[in-house]
Amino acid sequence: MTSEPATGQQTETRFSYKTIEGALGNAGKVIPQAVGFEQAVLGALMIDRDAVSNVVDTLRSGMFYREQHQAIFAAIIRLFQLDQPIDLLTVADQLRSEKKLEFVGGPAYLAKLTNGVASAANVEYHARVVMERYVLRQLISICGDITKQAFDEPKDVMTLLDKAETDLFNVIESNFSRESKELGVVVKKAMTDLMELQNSEEKFKGVPTGIRRIDEAIGGWQNSDLIIIAARPGMGKTSFVLSIARNAAIDYGKSVALFSLEMSATQLVHRLFSIESGVSSEKIVKGDLMDAEWNQLMERVHVLETDKLIIDDTPQLSIFDLRAKCRRLKHRYNIDMVIVDYLQLMTGNAEDKGRHGNREQEISQISRSLKALAKDLNIPVIALSQLSRQVEQRGGDKKPMLSDLRESGSIEQDADQVMFIYRPEYYKLDTFPDDGSPALNRAEIMIEKNRHGSTSSIKVRFEKQYTKFCDDLDYQTADSQAGITPNMEENAGYVTVESNASDDSEMPF
């Protein structure tokens, strides 16, 4: 079967009817089709030009079972795009100019199509039937292809499984597009959300970070946002996202998926032990705990027994694999947030390798895909990123800038928010350059890009020995005096770990 989509239309997914026939076997079953509905749609489009507007977002030429019908529909769409009249004569003339008039059956067949319908009143329903039969043919083709490959016993079963899942997901994405929404409908939904937010105890709707000053600045992590958190090595990127993942999952009952490409699940859990118990992470890694510290750990570690935090430590994760995993986790756990540690360790899709001339273009593709993932799943996606060495080569306070984002300017472009972690203590500075306040055990979260509000810088506490980020001590004291307490909710269950590694080496900060 060939497909000739009109200019400007999405290219059809090509599949072979031989594959379909092979999948059907010798059962004598008929390939799903709706020729009568196809004729009704084409006839309606040639007697009522306005009908084209009602089906142009639903149908593509390759969805028609008969190749002759594909050619007729493509000709109609070309006329529509050129803002030309659409009727029996103009369609025939367009097909004649393409040397396809005789192929489709000549003017007589076009006349038969128009004579077969009285009006275009039901064209949307008829178009949907045509589209549904096409989807059924796609499903049969995909299943037949997967069946054939399964019988051939591929070396990598997981690759075949991912291909099957991706092909099925593409059927949904390419054929069931999201409908446009009237402004009035969107306004009502936004007002309802705003009223709920106004009446809630927390004055933000996003996934909480658990660090009050950051939540007040950004309103929590917002759905469909791509957030980039960047810093030089040693600043505490992993510690920061692990702290906020713990806060979201344990204190607020949000489901969080953490993809760690650098550290093993065991290393991350050791850090969580330290964050929760207040026992030095170095002692936990070495297993060198005094009796009092062991008791302290045992008393508090039960808080981590939750299924709200899912850890996947697959190394060299591709954006293809990440999308597939996130779709499964969304279905199974209804995850509220995804964290990727970190972006530069990811790889592009294997099938796209030849298209990317260099690593910068590959990173651009990854960042665009992460933004698309956030939008598709309607959840915040947080990706850690390295900064270039330009930060170290500059004099002065060595504060990072947006231009320091490593390997691709598209990271800044695709991100809804960009934050930097800056610790003067790392550069052996005793105070913060902006206000001269003490830098010991403190860090600055610099919000350098924020599509939803203003940029700002927030001082937080970083307890390095516990790998923990939290509210600045002075700020917490002020809250305590004002009688403000954070919302804390404990959740029972198990820490879910999808582990592909068991590296227990000492953890870098």
Protein backbone atom coordinates (compact mmCIF):
# COMPACT_ATOMS: atom_id res chain seq x y z
CA MET A 1 0.00 0.00 0.00
CA THR A 2 1.32 3.42 -0.89
CA SER A 3 0.59 6.69 0.79
CA GLU A 4 0.63 10.11 -0.84
CA PRO A 5 -0.24 12.67 1.82
CA ALA A 6 -0.96 16.19 0.75
CA THR A 7 1.65 18.86 1.27
CA GLY A 8 1.78 19.96 4.90
CA GLN A 9 0.16 16.78 6.23
CA GLN A 10 1.80 14.29 8.56
CA THR A 11 3.50 11.40 6.76
CA GLU A 12 1.57 8.19 7.19
CA THR A 13 2.82 5.21 9.12
CA ARG A 14 3.56 2.71 6.36
CA PHE A 15 2.68 -0.92 6.81
CA SER A 16 2.31 -3.87 4.53
CA TYR A 17 -0.94 -5.74 3.95
CA LYS A 18 1.20 -8.83 3.45
CA THR A 19 2.09 -8.45 7.10
CA ILE A 20 -1.58 -8.12 7.96
CA GLU A 21 -2.47 -11.17 5.90
CA GLY A 22 0.32 -13.08 7.62
CA ALA A 23 -1.04 -12.06 11.01
CA LEU A 24 -4.53 -13.20 9.99
CA GLY A 25 -3.15 -16.57 8.91
CA ASN A 26 -5.50 -18.94 7.12
CA ALA A 27 -8.52 -18.05 9.23
CA GLY A 28 -10.17 -16.44 6.20
CA LYS A 29 -10.82 -13.21 8.05
CA VAL A 30 -11.36 -9.96 6.17
CA ILE A 31 -8.99 -7.04 6.68
CA PRO A 32 -10.82 -4.27 8.61
CA GLN A 33 -12.13 -1.73 6.13
CA ALA A 34 -15.05 0.61 5.56
CA VAL A 35 -15.19 1.27 1.82
CA GLY A 36 -18.79 2.44 1.96
CA PHE A 37 -17.95 5.02 4.62
CA GLU A 38 -14.92 6.12 2.62
CA GLN A 39 -17.18 6.76 -0.37
CA ALA A 40 -19.63 8.68 1.81
CA VAL A 41 -16.86 10.90 3.20
CA LEU A 42 -15.42 11.71 -0.24
CA GLY A 43 -18.86 12.40 -1.69
CA ALA A 44 -19.72 14.73 1.21
CA LEU A 45 -16.46 16.65 0.82
CA MET A 46 -17.19 17.30 -2.86
CA ILE A 47 -20.70 18.63 -2.24
CA ASP A 48 -19.92 20.76 0.82
CA ARG A 49 -16.55 22.52 1.10
CA ASP A 50 -17.16 23.34 4.79
CA ALA A 51 -17.17 19.63 5.54
CA VAL A 52 -13.43 19.53 4.86
CA SER A 53 -12.79 21.69 7.94
CA ASN A 54 -14.66 19.13 10.06
CA VAL A 55 -12.51 16.16 9.05
CA VAL A 56 -9.10 17.62 8.18
CA ASP A 57 -7.84 17.03 11.75
CA THR A 58 -9.24 13.48 11.85
CA LEU A 59 -8.33 11.99 8.49
CA ARG A 60 -5.17 11.65 6.45
CA SER A 61 -5.00 10.22 2.96
CA GLY A 62 -3.22 7.05 4.08
CA MET A 63 -6.15 6.13 6.34
CA PHE A 64 -8.31 5.21 3.33
CA TYR A 65 -8.25 1.52 2.48
CA ARG A 66 -8.46 1.95 -1.30
CA GLU A 67 -5.52 3.65 -2.98
CA GLN A 68 -7.95 5.36 -5.36
CA HIS A 69 -9.69 6.94 -2.36
CA GLN A 70 -6.32 8.02 -0.97
CA ALA A 71 -5.58 9.89 -4.20
CA ILE A 72 -9.02 11.57 -4.26
CA PHE A 73 -8.75 12.70 -0.63
CA ALA A 74 -5.22 14.03 -1.21
CA ALA A 75 -6.49 16.06 -4.19
CA ILE A 76 -9.32 17.52 -2.07
CA ILE A 77 -6.88 18.52 0.67
CA ARG A 78 -4.58 20.19 -1.87
CA LEU A 79 -7.48 22.29 -3.12
CA PHE A 80 -8.44 23.12 0.44
CA GLN A 81 -4.93 24.25 1.30
CA LEU A 82 -4.84 26.44 -1.82
CA ASP A 83 -8.23 27.91 -0.82
CA GLN A 84 -9.73 26.74 -4.10
CA PRO A 85 -13.36 25.65 -4.68
CA ILE A 86 -14.00 21.97 -4.02
CA ASP A 87 -16.56 20.18 -6.18
CA LEU A 88 -16.82 17.43 -8.75
CA LEU A 89 -15.24 19.50 -11.52
CA THR A 90 -12.34 21.00 -9.54
CA VAL A 91 -11.40 17.67 -7.97
CA ALA A 92 -11.45 16.01 -11.40
CA ASP A 93 -9.27 18.79 -12.80
CA GLN A 94 -6.80 18.46 -9.90
CA LEU A 95 -6.54 14.70 -10.41
CA ARG A 96 -6.12 15.23 -14.14
CA SER A 97 -3.19 17.58 -13.51
CA GLU A 98 -1.63 14.89 -11.33
CA LYS A 99 -2.24 12.26 -14.05
CA LYS A 100 -4.39 10.23 -11.62
CA LEU A 101 -7.89 10.83 -12.96
CA GLU A 102 -8.07 7.55 -14.88
CA PHE A 103 -6.43 5.71 -11.97
CA VAL A 104 -9.28 6.66 -9.61
CA GLY A 105 -11.99 5.65 -12.08
CA GLY A 106 -12.44 8.83 -14.11
CA PRO A 107 -15.17 11.49 -13.80
CA ALA A 108 -17.82 8.76 -13.73
CA TYR A 109 -16.57 7.40 -10.41
CA LEU A 110 -16.36 10.90 -8.90
CA ALA A 111 -19.96 11.50 -10.00
CA LYS A 112 -20.98 8.22 -8.38
CA LEU A 113 -19.44 9.40 -5.09
CA THR A 114 -21.34 12.70 -5.09
CA ASN A 115 -24.60 11.03 -6.12
CA GLY A 116 -24.26 8.58 -3.25
CA VAL A 117 -24.79 11.16 -0.50
CA ALA A 118 -27.63 13.60 0.09
CA SER A 119 -25.76 15.91 2.50
CA ALA A 120 -22.60 16.28 4.58
CA ALA A 121 -24.47 16.23 7.88
CA ASN A 122 -22.92 12.94 9.06
CA VAL A 123 -19.43 13.41 7.62
CA GLU A 124 -17.71 13.58 11.03
CA TYR A 125 -19.18 10.25 12.13
CA HIS A 126 -18.31 8.63 8.80
CA ALA A 127 -14.75 10.00 9.02
CA ARG A 128 -14.32 8.54 12.49
CA VAL A 129 -15.37 5.09 11.25
CA VAL A 130 -12.77 5.33 8.46
CA MET A 131 -10.11 6.33 11.00
CA GLU A 132 -11.04 3.49 13.38
CA ARG A 133 -10.76 0.86 10.65
CA TYR A 134 -7.34 2.26 9.78
CA VAL A 135 -6.27 1.98 13.44
CA LEU A 136 -7.39 -1.65 13.46
CA ARG A 137 -5.24 -2.32 10.39
CA GLN A 138 -2.30 -0.65 12.11
CA LEU A 139 -2.76 -2.81 15.21
CA ILE A 140 -2.92 -6.00 13.15
CA SER A 141 0.22 -4.98 11.26
CA ILE A 142 2.13 -4.12 14.44
CA CYS A 143 1.10 -7.35 16.16
CA GLY A 144 1.99 -9.37 13.06
CA ASP A 145 5.41 -7.76 12.86
CA ILE A 146 6.09 -8.31 16.58
CA THR A 147 4.89 -11.93 16.29
CA LYS A 148 7.27 -12.56 13.39
CA GLN A 149 10.22 -11.05 15.26
CA ALA A 150 9.33 -13.00 18.41
CA PHE A 151 9.39 -16.28 16.46
CA ASP A 152 12.84 -15.28 15.15
CA GLU A 153 14.00 -15.18 18.80
CA PRO A 154 15.78 -11.79 18.89
CA LYS A 155 18.91 -11.40 20.99
CA ASP A 156 17.52 -8.47 22.96
CA VAL A 157 13.97 -9.21 24.12
CA MET A 158 13.69 -5.89 25.96
CA THR A 159 14.38 -3.98 22.74
CA LEU A 160 11.54 -5.85 21.05
CA LEU A 161 9.26 -5.13 24.00
CA ASP A 162 10.12 -1.43 23.91
CA LYS A 163 9.49 -1.36 20.15
CA ALA A 164 6.06 -2.92 20.61
CA GLU A 165 5.15 -0.44 23.32
CA THR A 166 6.42 2.52 21.29
CA ASP A 167 4.57 1.41 18.14
CA LEU A 168 1.31 1.09 20.08
CA PHE A 169 1.83 4.43 21.77
CA ASN A 170 2.48 6.04 18.38
CA VAL A 171 -0.86 4.71 17.14
CA ILE A 172 -2.57 6.67 19.91
CA GLU A 173 -0.46 9.79 19.46
CA SER A 174 -0.84 9.97 15.67
CA ASN A 175 -4.52 9.11 15.38
CA PHE A 176 -6.23 10.48 18.48
CA SER A 177 -5.11 14.08 18.64
CA ARG A 178 -6.10 16.31 21.51
CA GLU A 179 -9.10 18.48 20.76
CA SER A 180 -8.99 22.25 20.79
CA LYS A 181 -10.72 23.87 23.74
CA GLU A 182 -12.99 26.89 23.73
CA LEU A 183 -11.70 29.75 25.83
CA GLY A 184 -14.82 29.69 28.01
CA VAL A 185 -14.18 26.05 28.97
CA VAL A 186 -10.57 26.78 29.87
CA VAL A 187 -11.57 29.87 31.90
CA LYS A 188 -14.09 27.87 33.96
CA LYS A 189 -11.51 25.17 34.68
CA ALA A 190 -8.88 27.76 35.65
CA MET A 191 -11.34 29.57 37.96
CA THR A 192 -12.27 26.29 39.68
CA ASP A 193 -8.59 25.50 40.25
CA LEU A 194 -7.99 29.01 41.55
CA MET A 195 -10.88 28.78 44.03
CA GLU A 196 -9.58 25.42 45.31
CA LEU A 197 -6.13 26.93 45.71
CA GLN A 198 -7.55 29.97 47.51
CA ASN A 199 -9.32 27.73 50.03
CA SER A 200 -6.41 25.35 50.59
CA GLU A 201 -3.89 25.65 53.42
CA GLU A 202 -0.94 25.66 51.02
CA LYS A 203 -0.97 28.66 48.68
CA PHE A 204 0.51 26.81 45.72
CA LYS A 205 -0.70 24.04 43.47
CA GLY A 206 2.48 22.39 42.27
CA VAL A 207 4.40 19.46 43.72
CA PRO A 208 6.01 20.83 46.93
CA THR A 209 9.77 20.95 47.29
CA GLY A 210 9.53 20.82 51.09
CA ILE A 211 11.77 23.91 51.26
CA ARG A 212 9.35 26.67 52.13
CA ARG A 213 11.17 29.62 50.58
CA ILE A 214 11.50 27.83 47.24
CA ASP A 215 7.83 26.82 47.32
CA GLU A 216 6.84 30.41 47.97
CA ALA A 217 9.01 31.62 45.08
CA ILE A 218 7.85 29.15 42.40
CA GLY A 219 4.58 27.77 43.79
CA GLY A 220 5.94 24.23 43.77
CA TRP A 221 6.91 22.27 40.67
CA GLN A 222 4.20 22.87 38.05
CA ASN A 223 2.63 20.25 35.78
CA SER A 224 4.00 20.03 32.21
CA ASP A 225 7.10 22.05 33.19
CA LEU A 226 10.69 21.09 32.38
CA ILE A 227 12.93 22.26 35.21
CA ILE A 228 16.71 22.30 34.76
CA ILE A 229 18.83 22.29 37.94
CA ALA A 230 22.45 22.92 37.05
CA ALA A 231 25.73 23.24 38.94
CA ARG A 232 29.39 22.37 38.76
CA PRO A 233 30.47 18.96 40.13
CA GLY A 234 30.61 18.93 43.91
CA MET A 235 27.89 21.54 44.46
CA GLY A 236 25.33 18.98 45.63
CA LYS A 237 22.97 18.49 42.67
CA THR A 238 22.10 14.91 43.56
CA SER A 239 21.75 15.77 47.25
CA PHE A 240 19.36 18.59 46.38
CA VAL A 241 17.01 16.54 44.19
CA LEU A 242 17.14 13.61 46.59
CA SER A 243 16.10 15.94 49.42
CA ILE A 244 13.17 17.35 47.45
CA ALA A 245 12.18 13.87 46.20
CA ARG A 246 12.15 12.65 49.80
CA ASN A 247 10.09 15.67 50.91
CA ALA A 248 7.53 15.27 48.12
CA ALA A 249 7.14 11.53 48.66
CA ILE A 250 7.32 11.27 52.47
CA ASP A 251 5.90 14.58 53.69
CA TYR A 252 3.32 15.23 50.97
CA GLY A 253 2.44 11.78 49.63
CA LYS A 254 3.42 12.55 46.01
CA SER A 255 4.63 9.74 43.75
CA VAL A 256 8.12 10.53 42.46
CA ALA A 257 10.19 8.60 39.89
CA LEU A 258 13.93 9.19 40.24
CA PHE A 259 16.17 8.04 37.36
CA SER A 260 19.77 7.91 38.52
CA LEU A 261 22.27 7.42 35.70
CA GLU A 262 25.33 8.10 37.85
CA MET A 263 24.71 6.57 41.27
CA SER A 264 23.33 3.17 42.17
CA ALA A 265 20.06 2.67 44.01
CA THR A 266 22.00 1.44 47.04
CA GLN A 267 24.03 4.63 47.17
CA LEU A 268 20.88 6.73 46.99
CA VAL A 269 19.23 4.74 49.77
CA HIS A 270 22.32 5.21 51.94
CA ARG A 271 21.92 8.95 51.44
CA LEU A 272 18.25 8.72 52.36
CA PHE A 273 19.26 6.88 55.54
CA SER A 274 21.55 9.78 56.42
CA ILE A 275 18.96 12.46 55.56
CA GLU A 276 16.32 10.75 57.67
CA SER A 277 18.38 9.68 60.67
CA GLY A 278 20.91 12.49 61.02
CA VAL A 279 23.75 9.96 61.00
CA SER A 280 26.79 10.88 58.90
CA SER A 281 26.57 9.50 55.37
CA GLU A 282 30.24 8.55 55.50
CA LYS A 283 29.62 6.33 58.53
CA ILE A 284 26.63 4.69 56.86
CA VAL A 285 28.66 3.90 53.73
CA LYS A 286 31.45 2.37 55.80
CA GLY A 287 29.09 0.61 58.19
CA ASP A 288 30.97 2.21 61.09
CA LEU A 289 28.12 3.19 63.42
CA MET A 290 28.19 3.43 67.19
CA ASP A 291 25.34 1.84 69.14
CA ALA A 292 23.57 5.16 69.66
CA GLU A 293 23.80 5.99 65.95
CA TRP A 294 22.53 2.55 64.99
CA ASN A 295 19.55 2.94 67.31
CA GLN A 296 18.91 6.39 65.89
CA LEU A 297 18.91 4.97 62.37
CA MET A 298 16.59 2.11 63.29
CA GLU A 299 14.13 4.47 64.98
CA ARG A 300 13.71 6.72 61.94
CA VAL A 301 14.31 4.57 58.87
CA HIS A 302 10.73 3.21 58.95
CA VAL A 303 9.57 6.54 57.52
CA LEU A 304 11.24 5.53 54.24
CA GLU A 305 9.05 2.44 53.93
CA THR A 306 6.91 3.95 51.20
CA ASP A 307 5.93 3.12 47.63
CA LYS A 308 5.81 6.80 46.76
CA LEU A 309 9.48 7.01 45.72
CA ILE A 310 10.51 4.84 42.76
CA ILE A 311 14.21 4.59 41.94
CA ASP A 312 15.57 3.39 38.60
CA ASP A 313 19.36 3.25 38.32
CA THR A 314 19.65 1.97 34.75
CA PRO A 315 22.97 3.27 33.33
CA GLN A 316 23.27 4.84 29.86
CA LEU A 317 19.52 5.41 29.69
CA SER A 318 18.26 6.62 26.32
CA ILE A 319 15.45 9.12 25.94
CA PHE A 320 13.56 6.34 24.14
CA ASP A 321 13.81 4.07 27.19
CA LEU A 322 12.98 6.91 29.59
CA ARG A 323 9.74 7.72 27.78
CA ALA A 324 8.69 4.06 27.78
CA LYS A 325 9.50 3.64 31.49
CA CYS A 326 7.69 6.84 32.47
CA ARG A 327 4.55 5.83 30.59
CA ARG A 328 4.52 2.51 32.48
CA LEU A 329 5.14 4.23 35.82
CA LYS A 330 2.38 6.74 35.12
CA HIS A 331 -0.01 3.86 34.48
CA ARG A 332 1.13 1.79 37.47
CA TYR A 333 1.86 4.42 40.14
CA ASN A 334 0.26 7.58 38.67
CA ILE A 335 3.57 9.38 39.24
CA ASP A 336 3.40 13.11 40.04
CA MET A 337 6.98 14.00 39.14
CA VAL A 338 10.04 12.67 37.27
CA ILE A 339 13.67 13.46 38.17
CA VAL A 340 16.60 12.64 35.85
CA ASP A 341 20.14 12.66 37.27
CA TYR A 342 21.61 13.79 34.99
CA LEU A 343 20.92 15.03 31.44
CA GLN A 344 24.43 14.74 29.95
CA LEU A 345 24.59 11.03 30.83
CA MET A 346 21.56 10.29 28.67
CA THR A 347 21.76 9.18 25.05
CA GLY A 348 19.49 9.95 22.12
CA ASN A 349 17.41 7.34 20.33
CA ALA A 350 19.55 4.72 18.64
CA GLU A 351 17.63 5.12 15.38
CA ASP A 352 18.41 8.86 15.39
CA LYS A 353 22.17 8.47 15.80
CA GLY A 354 22.89 9.08 12.14
CA ARG A 355 20.87 12.30 12.10
CA HIS A 356 22.81 14.05 14.84
CA GLY A 357 26.08 15.54 13.65
CA ASN A 358 27.48 16.10 17.14
CA ARG A 359 26.81 15.76 20.84
CA GLU A 360 25.29 19.24 21.07
CA GLN A 361 22.56 18.30 18.60
CA GLU A 362 21.93 15.08 20.51
CA ILE A 363 21.54 17.02 23.77
CA SER A 364 19.12 19.35 21.98
CA GLN A 365 17.02 16.37 20.97
CA ILE A 366 17.08 15.02 24.54
CA SER A 367 15.99 18.34 26.07
CA ARG A 368 13.14 18.69 23.56
CA SER A 369 12.03 15.15 24.34
CA LEU A 370 12.08 15.82 28.08
CA LYS A 371 9.85 18.85 27.57
CA ALA A 372 7.50 16.78 25.41
CA LEU A 373 7.44 14.08 28.11
CA ALA A 374 6.45 16.63 30.76
CA LYS A 375 3.65 17.89 28.54
CA ASP A 376 2.41 14.45 27.50
CA LEU A 377 2.22 13.10 31.07
CA ASN A 378 1.19 16.51 32.48
CA ILE A 379 3.73 16.32 35.31
CA PRO A 380 6.88 18.27 36.18
CA VAL A 381 10.13 16.79 34.85
CA ILE A 382 13.31 17.83 36.65
CA ALA A 383 16.62 17.22 34.89
CA LEU A 384 20.01 17.87 36.42
CA SER A 385 22.65 19.37 34.17
CA GLN A 386 26.37 20.00 34.32
CA LEU A 387 27.81 23.46 33.83
CA SER A 388 30.82 24.17 31.62
CA ARG A 389 34.31 24.82 33.00
CA GLN A 390 33.91 28.50 32.17
CA VAL A 391 32.58 28.94 35.69
CA GLU A 392 35.89 27.85 37.18
CA GLN A 393 37.93 29.96 34.76
CA ARG A 394 36.17 33.18 35.68
CA GLY A 395 37.51 35.31 38.46
CA GLY A 396 35.55 36.82 41.31
CA ASP A 397 32.72 34.95 43.03
CA LYS A 398 32.38 32.34 40.21
CA LYS A 399 28.59 32.54 40.19
CA PRO A 400 27.07 30.56 37.28
CA MET A 401 25.17 32.15 34.39
CA LEU A 402 22.72 30.81 31.80
CA SER A 403 25.48 30.83 29.20
CA ASP A 404 27.34 28.25 31.32
CA LEU A 405 24.82 25.49 30.56
CA ARG A 406 26.89 22.76 29.04
CA GLU A 407 26.71 21.48 25.45
CA SER A 408 23.52 23.10 24.24
CA GLY A 409 21.76 26.44 24.23
CA SER A 410 18.52 24.56 23.57
CA ILE A 411 18.47 23.43 27.22
CA GLU A 412 17.77 27.01 28.25
CA GLN A 413 15.26 27.40 25.43
CA ASP A 414 13.28 24.24 26.25
CA ALA A 415 13.25 24.72 30.03
CA ASP A 416 10.41 26.46 31.84
CA GLN A 417 12.68 27.05 34.82
CA VAL A 418 16.45 27.04 35.19
CA MET A 419 18.02 26.96 38.65
CA PHE A 420 21.65 26.98 39.73
CA ILE A 421 23.13 25.67 42.96
CA TYR A 422 25.90 27.90 44.26
CA ARG A 423 27.99 27.28 47.39
CA PRO A 424 30.67 29.91 48.16
CA GLU A 425 32.13 27.45 50.66
CA TYR A 426 33.14 25.21 47.73
CA TYR A 427 35.41 28.02 46.49
CA LYS A 428 36.78 28.59 50.00
CA LEU A 429 34.76 31.79 50.48
CA ASP A 430 33.57 32.52 54.00
CA THR A 431 30.64 34.74 53.02
CA PHE A 432 28.10 35.20 50.23
CA PRO A 433 29.23 37.88 47.76
CA ASP A 434 25.83 39.63 47.59
CA ASP A 435 25.05 40.26 51.27
CA GLY A 436 28.15 39.17 53.20
CA SER A 437 26.19 36.59 55.21
CA PRO A 438 28.03 33.47 56.46
CA ALA A 439 28.54 30.76 53.83
CA LEU A 440 29.31 27.85 56.17
CA ASN A 441 26.84 24.98 55.58
CA ARG A 442 24.70 27.17 53.35
CA ALA A 443 23.89 27.29 49.64
CA GLU A 444 22.13 29.63 47.25
CA ILE A 445 19.44 28.42 44.84
CA MET A 446 19.55 30.87 41.95
CA ILE A 447 16.33 30.93 39.89
CA GLU A 448 17.71 32.37 36.65
CA LYS A 449 14.76 31.58 34.38
CA ASN A 450 11.13 31.34 35.39
CA ARG A 451 8.36 31.38 32.78
CA HIS A 452 5.72 31.69 35.50
CA GLY A 453 7.19 34.52 37.53
CA SER A 454 10.20 36.53 38.48
CA THR A 455 13.75 35.34 39.05
CA SER A 456 15.26 35.35 42.52
CA SER A 457 17.92 33.83 44.75
CA ILE A 458 17.13 31.85 47.87
CA LYS A 459 19.49 30.93 50.71
CA VAL A 460 19.07 27.37 52.00
CA ARG A 461 20.91 25.16 54.44
CA PHE A 462 23.16 22.38 53.16
CA GLU A 463 24.20 19.84 55.77
CA LYS A 464 26.97 18.14 53.86
CA GLN A 465 27.61 15.38 56.36
CA TYR A 466 23.97 14.30 55.94
CA THR A 467 23.75 15.18 52.20
CA LYS A 468 20.66 17.20 53.08
CA PHE A 469 19.18 20.46 51.80
CA CYS A 470 16.57 22.19 53.95
CA ASP A 471 15.25 25.61 54.93
CA ASP A 472 17.85 28.03 56.19
CA LEU A 473 18.11 27.83 59.99
CA ASP A 474 17.40 31.53 60.50
CA TYR A 475 14.27 31.26 58.34
CA GLN A 476 13.06 28.20 60.23
CA THR A 477 13.52 30.04 63.53
CA ALA A 478 11.42 32.93 62.25
CA ASP A 479 8.71 30.48 61.18
CA SER A 480 8.75 28.78 64.56
CA GLN A 481 8.27 32.10 66.33
CA ALA A 482 5.35 32.86 64.01
CA GLY A 483 3.74 29.50 64.76
CA ILE A 484 4.16 28.15 61.19
CA THR A 485 4.66 24.41 60.80
CA PRO A 486 5.06 22.42 57.57
CA ASN A 487 2.43 19.93 56.46
CA MET A 488 3.74 16.47 57.31
CA GLU A 489 2.07 13.22 56.33
CA GLU A 490 3.65 9.82 56.90
CA ASN A 491 3.00 7.06 54.38
CA ALA A 492 3.42 3.35 54.98
CA GLY A 493 4.56 0.88 52.34
CA TYR A 494 7.87 0.01 50.72
CA VAL A 495 10.61 1.87 48.89
CA THR A 496 10.30 0.57 45.34
CA VAL A 497 13.64 0.10 43.59
CA GLU A 498 14.14 -0.91 39.95
CA SER A 499 17.80 -1.79 40.23
CA ASN A 500 20.31 -2.63 37.52
CA ALA A 501 23.40 -2.07 39.61
CA SER A 502 24.75 -2.79 43.06
CA ASP A 503 27.61 -0.33 43.34
CA ASP A 504 28.34 0.37 47.00
CA SER A 505 31.33 2.62 46.45
CA GLU A 506 31.76 5.80 48.45
CA MET A 507 29.28 8.48 47.41
CA PRO A 508 30.45 11.77 45.84
CA PHE A 509 28.73 14.98 46.78
